[in-house]
Amino acid sequence: MGASAGLAPETLGLSVVAGIGASFIYNMGTDAVASVSKKAVHSKEVRHVANALKGATIDSANTIADDANDVAHWFKHLHW
């Protein structure tokens, strides 16, 4: 929009109209992309994958904690 305003004297104001039109088209495009992205993020498939990753992460953390407890238990009963 700034470039179109700078060219206004040379183009008798038509660049301002073109700049406003380009801004309008850009805003419509970004709104459409945002709408589609929002629907995709809230879809059932994405939630399913997110929940699966969350469950796998919790399972991995529990496994690591169990292994750490086993090692700590082993060291506790080790007589130096």
N, C-alpha and C. Protein backbone atom coordinates (compact mmCIF):
# COMPACT_ATOMS: atom_id res chain seq x y z
N MET A 1 0.83 -1.19 0.00
CA MET A 1 0.00 0.00 0.00
C MET A 1 0.87 1.25 0.00
N GLY A 2 2.00 1.20 0.69
CA GLY A 2 2.89 2.36 0.74
C GLY A 2 3.48 2.69 -0.61
N ALA A 3 3.84 1.66 -1.37
CA ALA A 3 4.41 1.90 -2.70
C ALA A 3 3.37 2.48 -3.64
N SER A 4 2.12 2.02 -3.51
CA SER A 4 1.08 2.56 -4.39
C SER A 4 0.81 4.02 -4.07
N ALA A 5 0.91 4.42 -2.80
CA ALA A 5 0.71 5.82 -2.45
C ALA A 5 1.86 6.67 -2.96
N GLY A 6 3.04 6.11 -2.99
CA GLY A 6 4.20 6.84 -3.50
C GLY A 6 4.13 7.08 -4.99
N LEU A 7 3.48 6.18 -5.71
CA LEU A 7 3.35 6.32 -7.16
C LEU A 7 2.13 7.13 -7.57
N ALA A 8 1.31 7.56 -6.64
CA ALA A 8 0.05 8.23 -6.95
C ALA A 8 0.19 9.44 -7.88
N PRO A 9 1.16 10.34 -7.66
CA PRO A 9 1.24 11.50 -8.56
C PRO A 9 1.52 11.12 -10.01
N GLU A 10 2.34 10.10 -10.23
CA GLU A 10 2.71 9.71 -11.59
C GLU A 10 1.58 8.97 -12.31
N THR A 11 0.73 8.28 -11.54
CA THR A 11 -0.32 7.47 -12.17
C THR A 11 -1.71 8.09 -12.00
N LEU A 12 -1.76 9.33 -11.58
CA LEU A 12 -3.00 10.07 -11.41
C LEU A 12 -3.94 9.38 -10.41
N GLY A 13 -3.37 8.74 -9.37
CA GLY A 13 -4.18 8.13 -8.31
C GLY A 13 -4.60 6.70 -8.56
N LEU A 14 -4.36 6.18 -9.75
CA LEU A 14 -4.77 4.80 -10.04
C LEU A 14 -3.99 3.78 -9.22
N SER A 15 -2.76 4.13 -8.85
CA SER A 15 -1.97 3.18 -8.06
C SER A 15 -2.56 3.02 -6.66
N VAL A 16 -3.19 4.07 -6.14
CA VAL A 16 -3.83 3.96 -4.83
C VAL A 16 -5.01 2.99 -4.91
N VAL A 17 -5.79 3.11 -5.96
CA VAL A 17 -6.92 2.19 -6.17
C VAL A 17 -6.42 0.76 -6.32
N ALA A 18 -5.34 0.59 -7.09
CA ALA A 18 -4.77 -0.75 -7.28
C ALA A 18 -4.22 -1.29 -5.96
N GLY A 19 -3.62 -0.42 -5.15
CA GLY A 19 -3.10 -0.84 -3.85
C GLY A 19 -4.20 -1.28 -2.90
N ILE A 20 -5.30 -0.53 -2.90
CA ILE A 20 -6.44 -0.91 -2.05
C ILE A 20 -7.01 -2.24 -2.51
N GLY A 21 -7.12 -2.42 -3.81
CA GLY A 21 -7.63 -3.69 -4.35
C GLY A 21 -6.71 -4.84 -4.00
N ALA A 22 -5.40 -4.63 -4.10
CA ALA A 22 -4.45 -5.69 -3.76
C ALA A 22 -4.52 -6.03 -2.27
N SER A 23 -4.68 -5.01 -1.43
CA SER A 23 -4.81 -5.26 0.01
C SER A 23 -6.08 -6.05 0.31
N PHE A 24 -7.17 -5.71 -0.37
CA PHE A 24 -8.43 -6.41 -0.17
C PHE A 24 -8.31 -7.87 -0.59
N ILE A 25 -7.71 -8.11 -1.73
CA ILE A 25 -7.54 -9.50 -2.21
C ILE A 25 -6.62 -10.28 -1.27
N TYR A 26 -5.55 -9.64 -0.81
CA TYR A 26 -4.64 -10.30 0.14
C TYR A 26 -5.37 -10.68 1.42
N ASN A 27 -6.17 -9.75 1.96
CA ASN A 27 -6.92 -10.02 3.19
C ASN A 27 -7.92 -11.15 3.00
N MET A 28 -8.59 -11.18 1.85
CA MET A 28 -9.53 -12.27 1.58
C MET A 28 -8.80 -13.61 1.53
N GLY A 29 -7.63 -13.61 0.89
CA GLY A 29 -6.85 -14.85 0.79
C GLY A 29 -6.37 -15.34 2.14
N THR A 30 -5.88 -14.43 2.97
CA THR A 30 -5.40 -14.85 4.29
C THR A 30 -6.54 -15.30 5.19
N ASP A 31 -7.71 -14.67 5.06
CA ASP A 31 -8.88 -15.11 5.82
C ASP A 31 -9.29 -16.52 5.41
N ALA A 32 -9.26 -16.79 4.12
CA ALA A 32 -9.63 -18.12 3.64
C ALA A 32 -8.65 -19.18 4.13
N VAL A 33 -7.36 -18.87 4.08
CA VAL A 33 -6.35 -19.81 4.56
C VAL A 33 -6.51 -20.04 6.06
N ALA A 34 -6.76 -18.98 6.81
CA ALA A 34 -6.94 -19.12 8.26
C ALA A 34 -8.17 -19.96 8.57
N SER A 35 -9.23 -19.79 7.83
CA SER A 35 -10.45 -20.56 8.06
C SER A 35 -10.22 -22.04 7.79
N VAL A 36 -9.58 -22.35 6.68
CA VAL A 36 -9.30 -23.75 6.35
C VAL A 36 -8.35 -24.36 7.38
N SER A 37 -7.34 -23.61 7.79
CA SER A 37 -6.38 -24.11 8.78
C SER A 37 -7.05 -24.37 10.11
N LYS A 38 -7.94 -23.47 10.52
CA LYS A 38 -8.64 -23.65 11.79
C LYS A 38 -9.50 -24.90 11.76
N LYS A 39 -10.19 -25.13 10.65
CA LYS A 39 -11.01 -26.34 10.53
C LYS A 39 -10.14 -27.59 10.57
N ALA A 40 -8.98 -27.52 9.92
CA ALA A 40 -8.08 -28.69 9.89
C ALA A 40 -7.52 -28.99 11.27
N VAL A 41 -7.17 -27.96 12.02
CA VAL A 41 -6.59 -28.15 13.35
C VAL A 41 -7.61 -28.76 14.30
N HIS A 42 -8.87 -28.38 14.14
CA HIS A 42 -9.91 -28.88 15.03
C HIS A 42 -10.59 -30.14 14.50
N SER A 43 -10.03 -30.75 13.47
CA SER A 43 -10.65 -31.94 12.91
C SER A 43 -10.40 -33.15 13.81
N LYS A 44 -11.21 -34.17 13.62
CA LYS A 44 -11.14 -35.38 14.43
C LYS A 44 -9.80 -36.09 14.23
N GLU A 45 -9.29 -36.10 12.99
CA GLU A 45 -8.04 -36.79 12.71
C GLU A 45 -6.87 -36.16 13.45
N VAL A 46 -6.81 -34.83 13.46
CA VAL A 46 -5.71 -34.14 14.14
C VAL A 46 -5.79 -34.39 15.64
N ARG A 47 -7.01 -34.36 16.20
CA ARG A 47 -7.15 -34.64 17.63
C ARG A 47 -6.73 -36.07 17.95
N HIS A 48 -7.05 -37.00 17.06
CA HIS A 48 -6.68 -38.40 17.28
C HIS A 48 -5.15 -38.55 17.31
N VAL A 49 -4.48 -37.92 16.36
CA VAL A 49 -3.01 -37.99 16.32
C VAL A 49 -2.41 -37.30 17.54
N ALA A 50 -2.97 -36.15 17.91
CA ALA A 50 -2.44 -35.43 19.09
C ALA A 50 -2.61 -36.25 20.35
N ASN A 51 -3.76 -36.89 20.51
CA ASN A 51 -3.98 -37.72 21.69
C ASN A 51 -3.07 -38.94 21.69
N ALA A 52 -2.81 -39.51 20.51
CA ALA A 52 -1.90 -40.65 20.43
C ALA A 52 -0.48 -40.24 20.81
N LEU A 53 -0.06 -39.08 20.34
CA LEU A 53 1.28 -38.59 20.69
C LEU A 53 1.37 -38.30 22.18
N LYS A 54 0.31 -37.72 22.72
CA LYS A 54 0.28 -37.42 24.15
C LYS A 54 0.37 -38.70 24.97
N GLY A 55 -0.39 -39.71 24.56
CA GLY A 55 -0.35 -41.00 25.26
C GLY A 55 1.01 -41.66 25.16
N ALA A 56 1.62 -41.59 23.97
CA ALA A 56 2.94 -42.19 23.79
C ALA A 56 3.99 -41.47 24.62
N THR A 57 3.87 -40.16 24.73
CA THR A 57 4.82 -39.39 25.53
C THR A 57 4.70 -39.74 27.00
N ILE A 58 3.46 -39.85 27.48
CA ILE A 58 3.24 -40.21 28.88
C ILE A 58 3.75 -41.62 29.15
N ASP A 59 3.49 -42.54 28.22
CA ASP A 59 3.99 -43.92 28.38
C ASP A 59 5.51 -43.95 28.42
N SER A 60 6.15 -43.16 27.55
CA SER A 60 7.62 -43.12 27.53
C SER A 60 8.15 -42.55 28.84
N ALA A 61 7.52 -41.50 29.33
CA ALA A 61 7.97 -40.90 30.59
C ALA A 61 7.80 -41.88 31.74
N ASN A 62 6.69 -42.60 31.76
CA ASN A 62 6.48 -43.60 32.81
C ASN A 62 7.50 -44.72 32.74
N THR A 63 7.84 -45.15 31.53
CA THR A 63 8.84 -46.20 31.36
C THR A 63 10.20 -45.73 31.86
N ILE A 64 10.57 -44.50 31.52
CA ILE A 64 11.85 -43.95 31.97
C ILE A 64 11.87 -43.84 33.49
N ALA A 65 10.76 -43.40 34.08
CA ALA A 65 10.68 -43.27 35.53
C ALA A 65 10.79 -44.65 36.19
N ASP A 66 10.14 -45.64 35.62
CA ASP A 66 10.23 -47.00 36.17
C ASP A 66 11.65 -47.53 36.10
N ASP A 67 12.32 -47.30 34.96
CA ASP A 67 13.71 -47.75 34.82
C ASP A 67 14.62 -47.03 35.81
N ALA A 68 14.40 -45.74 36.00
CA ALA A 68 15.21 -44.98 36.96
C ALA A 68 14.99 -45.50 38.37
N ASN A 69 13.74 -45.83 38.69
CA ASN A 69 13.46 -46.39 40.01
C ASN A 69 14.13 -47.75 40.19
N ASP A 70 14.14 -48.56 39.14
CA ASP A 70 14.81 -49.86 39.22
C ASP A 70 16.30 -49.70 39.47
N VAL A 71 16.92 -48.76 38.77
CA VAL A 71 18.35 -48.52 38.96
C VAL A 71 18.62 -48.00 40.37
N ALA A 72 17.78 -47.06 40.83
CA ALA A 72 17.95 -46.53 42.18
C ALA A 72 17.77 -47.63 43.22
N HIS A 73 16.82 -48.51 43.00
CA HIS A 73 16.59 -49.63 43.92
C HIS A 73 17.81 -50.57 43.93
N TRP A 74 18.39 -50.80 42.76
CA TRP A 74 19.56 -51.66 42.67
C TRP A 74 20.73 -51.04 43.43
N PHE A 75 20.96 -49.71 43.25
CA PHE A 75 22.05 -49.04 43.97
C PHE A 75 21.80 -49.02 45.48
N LYS A 76 20.55 -48.92 45.87
CA LYS A 76 20.21 -48.86 47.28
C LYS A 76 20.60 -50.18 48.00
N HIS A 77 20.44 -51.28 47.29
CA HIS A 77 20.74 -52.57 47.90
C HIS A 77 22.15 -53.05 47.62
N LEU A 78 22.92 -52.23 46.95
CA LEU A 78 24.31 -52.58 46.67
C LEU A 78 25.16 -52.24 47.90
N HIS A 79 25.92 -53.19 48.37
CA HIS A 79 26.74 -52.97 49.56
C HIS A 79 28.19 -52.72 49.11
N TRP A 80 28.67 -51.58 49.46
CA TRP A 80 30.04 -51.20 49.08
C TRP A 80 30.99 -51.69 50.09
